[in-house]
Amino acid sequence: SSNLPQDAEKILVPLPEVHTAINSERESYDRLLLLMLQGSTDLKNSEDDLVGLRGTLEAVFAESKEKDKIQANDSKLIMQLSKKLETLLMDNEDLRDQNENLNHRIITLENEKVGVYET
């Protein structure tokens, strides 16, 4: 059932060749181990970078949200001030009209008084 030749147990391999093969495999294993260690270090560094970037992104989102909130409050305040200004301008116009009417009444009364004194 095995793929080995029938006389496999009788085959002799010189010990120096076995040592050379073992040393070659050990060097290959060491190279693979080193590659894996470097890869895991690179992976860890990349993961650390990703965590840092995620933190930066969250900070930027929070800052943007805060700016949106401030802008909304500013817009609300501008609307309130605009309404107040409009009210004050209308009140000012009313007061000008009242002042003008009072000046006309004063002139009318003074003219009547002068007329009364003349008669």
Foldseek 3Di string as FASTA:
>chain_A
DDPDDPCVVVDDDDPVVVVVVVVVVVVVVVVVVVVVVVVVVVVVVVVVVVVVVVVVVVVVVVVVVVVVVVVVVVVVVVVVVVVVVVVVVVVVVVVVVVVVVVVVVVVVVVVVVVVVVVD
